[in-house]
Structures are given as C-alpha cells and as structure tokens.
Amino acid sequence: MQTITQTKRIVIIEDQTAIREMLAEILRIDSAYEIVGECGDGLKACAMCLELKPDLLVLDARLPGLSGVDILRRISKQLKNTRVLIFSGYESPALVREMLGAGAHGFVEKTAGLTEFKKGLETIANGGTYFGPGVAALLRNVVANNSPTGSLDCLTEREREILKLVAESNSTKDIAQKLTISVKTVDNHRTNLMRKLNLHDVASLTRYSLEIGLIDHRVQSW
C-alpha cells in the first residue's frame, strides 16, 4: 500500500455516537490524518463539509435529516477534491449504485471490521477506489445478473421528492398539499418515477428508498 505523504483532513459523518467516536479515536493516533469535524445529522453535515472542505469524508448511508446519497448530491460539485468513503451497516445493489453515482470513491460495510475500514480509507486517500469484501461480492453479482432497477439519476428533482414522500407513507392528497401541486400532477410524477425505476407498487418503492438510504428504516413498517 502506498504511504500517505501529506496529512489528510477528515470529516466523519455517522449518527451512532459510539461508532463515530471510535473511528475518530482510531484515526487520531495516526499522524497521516487530522480529524477536523464530526457530525451525526445529515442536514448539519452538508454545512460542515462545505465550510471545512475536508480532504477525506467518511460517510454513513443512513442519517437523520438527510441521507448519505442526498448529502453527496449536494456537496459533490463544490467539493471536487474531497475523497469519500462510505462506511455503512447496510449494503444493497441499489445503495452502492446510488452512492457511486453521487460521487463516492469507496464503500466498506461495517461488518468488514476496522482493519478493512482503514485499508479503504488509505486507498482512497492515495487516489484509488476501494470496496470491502461484501460490497465487492455484491457488485460482481449485480454485473452477473444485470439488475434492471433504475437509478435516482434518471429522476427529476420533483420525482425524487415524491418518491421519498410516497415511501414515507404519505397519501397522494398529502403529497399534493405538502408540495402545493395538484393530485393529478402527483399521480403523473409517481407513474413516471415507477416506470423509470422499474418498480410497480408502493411496497417496492419503499424498499428501494430504504436500500439507498433515502428514508430511515427505523420509522418504517410494512
């Protein structure tokens, strides 16, 4: 592994306090890294990253306030030099695809352990791309099966808003009121996003939204 020659400034975004503090503690004893920010809330995370402009971002996929995918979509154009490692307790083809499409450079599952995490962080810090063993196997399987499910990239901003609201069990009328649009417009957008994602019922939309971290599994039941 190539040695990191310049101290890298890191922001850690993780909503589980114990995990966030553990990662920070481990990295603080390594002179290659400097922890400049820690956060457990998605909305606050965006502001922190844009202000601190870290060299490296360690990002969980599922966060309160804003998902990891949405955070990357908001900051990636402004932080082109920030390298991003996803460290997630959940991985799925849809989630990995969305994270990579949003600008992530590596993805390590939490079950892979801290040695794998450090290896992934060092790899992306040196300009490479890294996947933990579970994610790598997942990607191989996706390629082999040629999964047909679409990506958020194919949706408009309004369609993404409606996808999230549908998955959060809002009725068509509720969505129309929240977005100040007509019920018919909501129906049209929902039909279009289902077609683009190749998903054909609310349960499938909800599962997909959970997989990519668009909604929080802790508040869902079906």
Protein backbone atom coordinates (compact mmCIF):
# COMPACT_ATOMS: atom_id res chain seq x y z
CA MET A 1 0.00 0.00 0.00
CA GLN A 2 1.31 3.44 -0.94
CA THR A 3 2.13 5.62 2.08
CA ILE A 4 0.14 8.81 2.61
CA THR A 5 2.72 11.58 2.27
CA GLN A 6 0.62 14.54 3.43
CA THR A 7 -1.68 14.81 6.44
CA LYS A 8 -5.28 14.43 5.31
CA ARG A 9 -8.07 16.48 6.91
CA ILE A 10 -11.09 14.28 7.68
CA VAL A 11 -14.76 14.84 8.47
CA ILE A 12 -16.69 11.89 9.93
CA ILE A 13 -20.48 11.77 9.40
CA GLU A 14 -22.04 8.98 11.47
CA ASP A 15 -25.22 9.13 13.57
CA GLN A 16 -24.21 6.40 16.03
CA THR A 17 -22.14 8.29 18.60
CA ALA A 18 -20.12 5.30 19.79
CA ILE A 19 -19.06 4.37 16.25
CA ARG A 20 -18.27 7.98 15.34
CA GLU A 21 -16.13 8.47 18.45
CA MET A 22 -14.39 5.13 17.93
CA LEU A 23 -13.45 5.99 14.33
CA ALA A 24 -12.19 9.41 15.39
CA GLU A 25 -10.12 7.90 18.21
CA ILE A 26 -8.52 5.35 15.91
CA LEU A 27 -7.65 7.94 13.28
CA ARG A 28 -6.30 10.50 15.77
CA ILE A 29 -3.41 8.22 16.69
CA ASP A 30 -2.35 8.08 13.04
CA SER A 31 -0.28 11.10 12.02
CA ALA A 32 -1.49 10.71 8.43
CA TYR A 33 -4.91 12.03 9.43
CA GLU A 34 -6.36 15.08 11.17
CA ILE A 35 -9.98 15.00 12.35
CA VAL A 36 -11.43 18.44 11.62
CA GLY A 37 -15.14 17.69 12.07
CA GLU A 38 -17.65 15.15 13.35
CA CYS A 39 -21.42 15.12 12.89
CA GLY A 40 -24.40 12.81 13.29
CA ASP A 41 -27.07 14.80 11.46
CA GLY A 42 -27.50 14.85 7.69
CA LEU A 43 -28.54 18.48 7.32
CA LYS A 44 -25.77 19.78 9.57
CA ALA A 45 -23.30 17.55 7.75
CA CYS A 46 -23.75 19.41 4.46
CA ALA A 47 -22.96 22.77 6.04
CA MET A 48 -19.98 21.33 7.90
CA CYS A 49 -18.46 19.78 4.78
CA LEU A 50 -18.93 22.91 2.67
CA GLU A 51 -17.34 25.03 5.40
CA LEU A 52 -14.39 22.75 6.24
CA LYS A 53 -13.69 21.37 2.74
CA PRO A 54 -12.02 18.19 4.01
CA ASP A 55 -9.60 16.05 2.02
CA LEU A 56 -11.49 12.94 3.13
CA LEU A 57 -15.10 12.33 4.11
CA VAL A 58 -16.21 9.23 5.99
CA LEU A 59 -19.97 8.99 5.45
CA ASP A 60 -22.70 6.70 6.72
CA ALA A 61 -25.51 5.94 4.27
CA ARG A 62 -28.43 6.37 6.64
CA LEU A 63 -28.65 9.52 8.70
CA PRO A 64 -31.38 11.59 10.34
CA GLY A 65 -32.31 14.73 8.45
CA LEU A 66 -30.73 13.84 5.12
CA SER A 67 -29.47 10.58 3.61
CA GLY A 68 -25.89 9.95 2.61
CA VAL A 69 -26.90 9.94 -1.06
CA ASP A 70 -28.53 13.35 -0.73
CA ILE A 71 -25.52 14.75 1.12
CA LEU A 72 -23.21 13.69 -1.69
CA ARG A 73 -25.54 15.11 -4.32
CA ARG A 74 -25.50 18.46 -2.54
CA ILE A 75 -21.76 18.76 -1.96
CA SER A 76 -20.00 16.81 -4.72
CA LYS A 77 -19.97 19.62 -7.31
CA GLN A 78 -18.49 22.08 -4.83
CA LEU A 79 -16.02 19.68 -3.21
CA LYS A 80 -14.43 18.05 -6.22
CA ASN A 81 -11.18 17.34 -4.34
CA THR A 82 -12.84 15.62 -1.38
CA ARG A 83 -12.47 11.84 -1.45
CA VAL A 84 -15.43 9.97 0.03
CA LEU A 85 -15.54 6.60 1.80
CA ILE A 86 -18.95 5.16 2.64
CA PHE A 87 -18.90 3.16 5.88
CA SER A 88 -22.34 1.60 6.18
CA GLY A 89 -24.08 -1.05 8.22
CA TYR A 90 -26.26 -1.86 5.25
CA GLU A 91 -25.38 -2.54 1.65
CA SER A 92 -27.52 -3.37 -1.36
CA PRO A 93 -27.06 -3.10 -5.13
CA ALA A 94 -29.28 -0.01 -5.23
CA LEU A 95 -27.45 1.70 -2.36
CA VAL A 96 -23.98 1.01 -3.74
CA ARG A 97 -25.03 2.16 -7.21
CA GLU A 98 -26.55 5.39 -5.89
CA MET A 99 -23.54 6.19 -3.68
CA LEU A 100 -21.08 5.67 -6.52
CA GLY A 101 -23.24 7.68 -8.87
CA ALA A 102 -23.38 10.52 -6.34
CA GLY A 103 -19.60 10.70 -6.06
CA ALA A 104 -18.33 8.14 -3.53
CA HIS A 105 -14.84 6.68 -4.10
CA GLY A 106 -15.15 3.66 -1.85
CA PHE A 107 -17.66 1.62 0.14
CA VAL A 108 -16.84 -0.57 3.15
CA GLU A 109 -19.51 -2.47 5.05
CA LYS A 110 -19.32 -2.12 8.84
CA THR A 111 -19.34 -5.89 9.25
CA ALA A 112 -15.97 -5.99 7.46
CA GLY A 113 -14.25 -4.51 10.52
CA LEU A 114 -11.87 -1.68 11.32
CA THR A 115 -8.85 -3.14 9.52
CA GLU A 116 -10.84 -3.14 6.28
CA PHE A 117 -12.06 0.39 7.04
CA LYS A 118 -8.51 1.70 7.46
CA LYS A 119 -7.40 -0.08 4.29
CA GLY A 120 -10.26 1.51 2.37
CA LEU A 121 -9.55 4.97 3.77
CA GLU A 122 -5.85 4.73 2.93
CA THR A 123 -6.65 3.57 -0.60
CA ILE A 124 -9.00 6.44 -1.42
CA ALA A 125 -6.62 8.91 0.30
CA ASN A 126 -4.00 7.84 -2.23
CA GLY A 127 -6.39 8.37 -5.12
CA GLY A 128 -7.71 4.84 -5.51
CA THR A 129 -11.12 3.20 -5.33
CA TYR A 130 -11.91 0.61 -2.70
CA PHE A 131 -14.71 -1.84 -1.91
CA GLY A 132 -14.99 -4.06 1.14
CA PRO A 133 -15.29 -7.80 0.50
CA GLY A 134 -19.06 -7.89 0.93
CA VAL A 135 -19.60 -4.92 -1.38
CA ALA A 136 -17.20 -6.32 -3.97
CA ALA A 137 -19.15 -9.60 -4.00
CA LEU A 138 -22.39 -7.65 -4.30
CA LEU A 139 -21.10 -5.72 -7.30
CA ARG A 140 -19.94 -8.91 -9.00
CA ASN A 141 -23.40 -10.37 -8.50
CA VAL A 142 -25.08 -7.27 -9.92
CA VAL A 143 -22.92 -7.42 -13.03
CA ALA A 144 -23.60 -11.13 -13.41
CA ASN A 145 -27.36 -10.68 -13.08
CA ASN A 146 -27.57 -7.39 -14.97
CA SER A 147 -30.04 -5.91 -12.45
CA PRO A 148 -32.71 -3.86 -14.30
CA THR A 149 -33.64 -1.47 -11.49
CA GLY A 150 -33.12 2.16 -12.47
CA SER A 151 -31.16 4.87 -10.67
CA LEU A 152 -32.09 8.13 -8.97
CA ASP A 153 -30.02 9.82 -11.67
CA CYS A 154 -32.88 9.20 -14.08
CA LEU A 155 -35.38 11.04 -11.86
CA THR A 156 -36.11 14.74 -11.80
CA GLU A 157 -35.78 16.64 -8.51
CA ARG A 158 -39.57 16.68 -8.15
CA GLU A 159 -39.79 12.93 -8.79
CA ARG A 160 -37.19 12.31 -6.09
CA GLU A 161 -39.23 14.43 -3.66
CA ILE A 162 -42.37 12.44 -4.45
CA LEU A 163 -40.53 9.12 -4.18
CA LYS A 164 -39.43 10.00 -0.66
CA LEU A 165 -42.89 11.16 0.37
CA VAL A 166 -44.57 8.05 -1.09
CA ALA A 167 -42.11 5.79 0.71
CA GLU A 168 -42.84 7.63 3.95
CA SER A 169 -46.49 6.53 3.58
CA ASN A 170 -47.92 9.91 2.58
CA SER A 171 -51.16 9.73 0.59
CA THR A 172 -51.47 11.35 -2.82
CA LYS A 173 -53.57 14.12 -1.28
CA ASP A 174 -50.99 14.68 1.49
CA ILE A 175 -48.18 14.93 -1.07
CA ALA A 176 -50.16 17.38 -3.18
CA GLN A 177 -50.72 19.60 -0.15
CA LYS A 178 -47.11 19.44 1.01
CA LEU A 179 -45.72 20.30 -2.41
CA THR A 180 -48.54 22.70 -3.35
CA ILE A 181 -49.37 20.87 -6.56
CA SER A 182 -52.46 19.09 -7.83
CA VAL A 183 -53.37 15.48 -7.07
CA LYS A 184 -53.24 14.73 -10.80
CA THR A 185 -49.69 16.12 -11.01
CA VAL A 186 -48.64 13.88 -8.12
CA ASP A 187 -50.16 10.86 -9.88
CA ASN A 188 -48.32 11.71 -13.11
CA HIS A 189 -44.99 12.09 -11.32
CA ARG A 190 -45.48 8.83 -9.43
CA THR A 191 -46.32 6.97 -12.63
CA ASN A 192 -43.20 8.36 -14.32
CA LEU A 193 -40.83 7.53 -11.45
CA MET A 194 -42.20 4.00 -11.16
CA ARG A 195 -41.61 3.48 -14.87
CA LYS A 196 -38.07 4.88 -14.70
CA LEU A 197 -37.15 2.77 -11.67
CA ASN A 198 -38.95 -0.31 -12.97
CA LEU A 199 -40.84 -0.55 -9.66
CA HIS A 200 -44.58 -1.04 -9.74
CA ASP A 201 -46.07 -0.69 -6.26
CA VAL A 202 -45.65 1.35 -3.08
CA ALA A 203 -44.03 -1.53 -1.18
CA SER A 204 -41.31 -1.80 -3.83
CA LEU A 205 -40.76 1.96 -3.79
CA THR A 206 -40.43 1.86 -0.01
CA ARG A 207 -37.93 -1.00 -0.07
CA TYR A 208 -35.89 0.78 -2.73
CA SER A 209 -35.90 4.02 -0.73
CA LEU A 210 -34.73 2.12 2.35
CA GLU A 211 -31.97 0.40 0.39
CA ILE A 212 -30.47 3.66 -0.86
CA GLY A 213 -30.87 5.44 2.47
CA LEU A 214 -33.48 7.89 1.17
CA ILE A 215 -35.70 7.13 4.16
CA ASP A 216 -34.88 5.79 7.61
CA HIS A 217 -35.74 2.13 8.30
CA ARG A 218 -36.41 2.99 11.95
CA VAL A 219 -39.63 4.79 11.12
CA GLN A 220 -40.96 2.36 8.52
CA SER A 221 -43.15 -0.70 8.82
CA TRP A 222 -44.98 -2.70 6.19
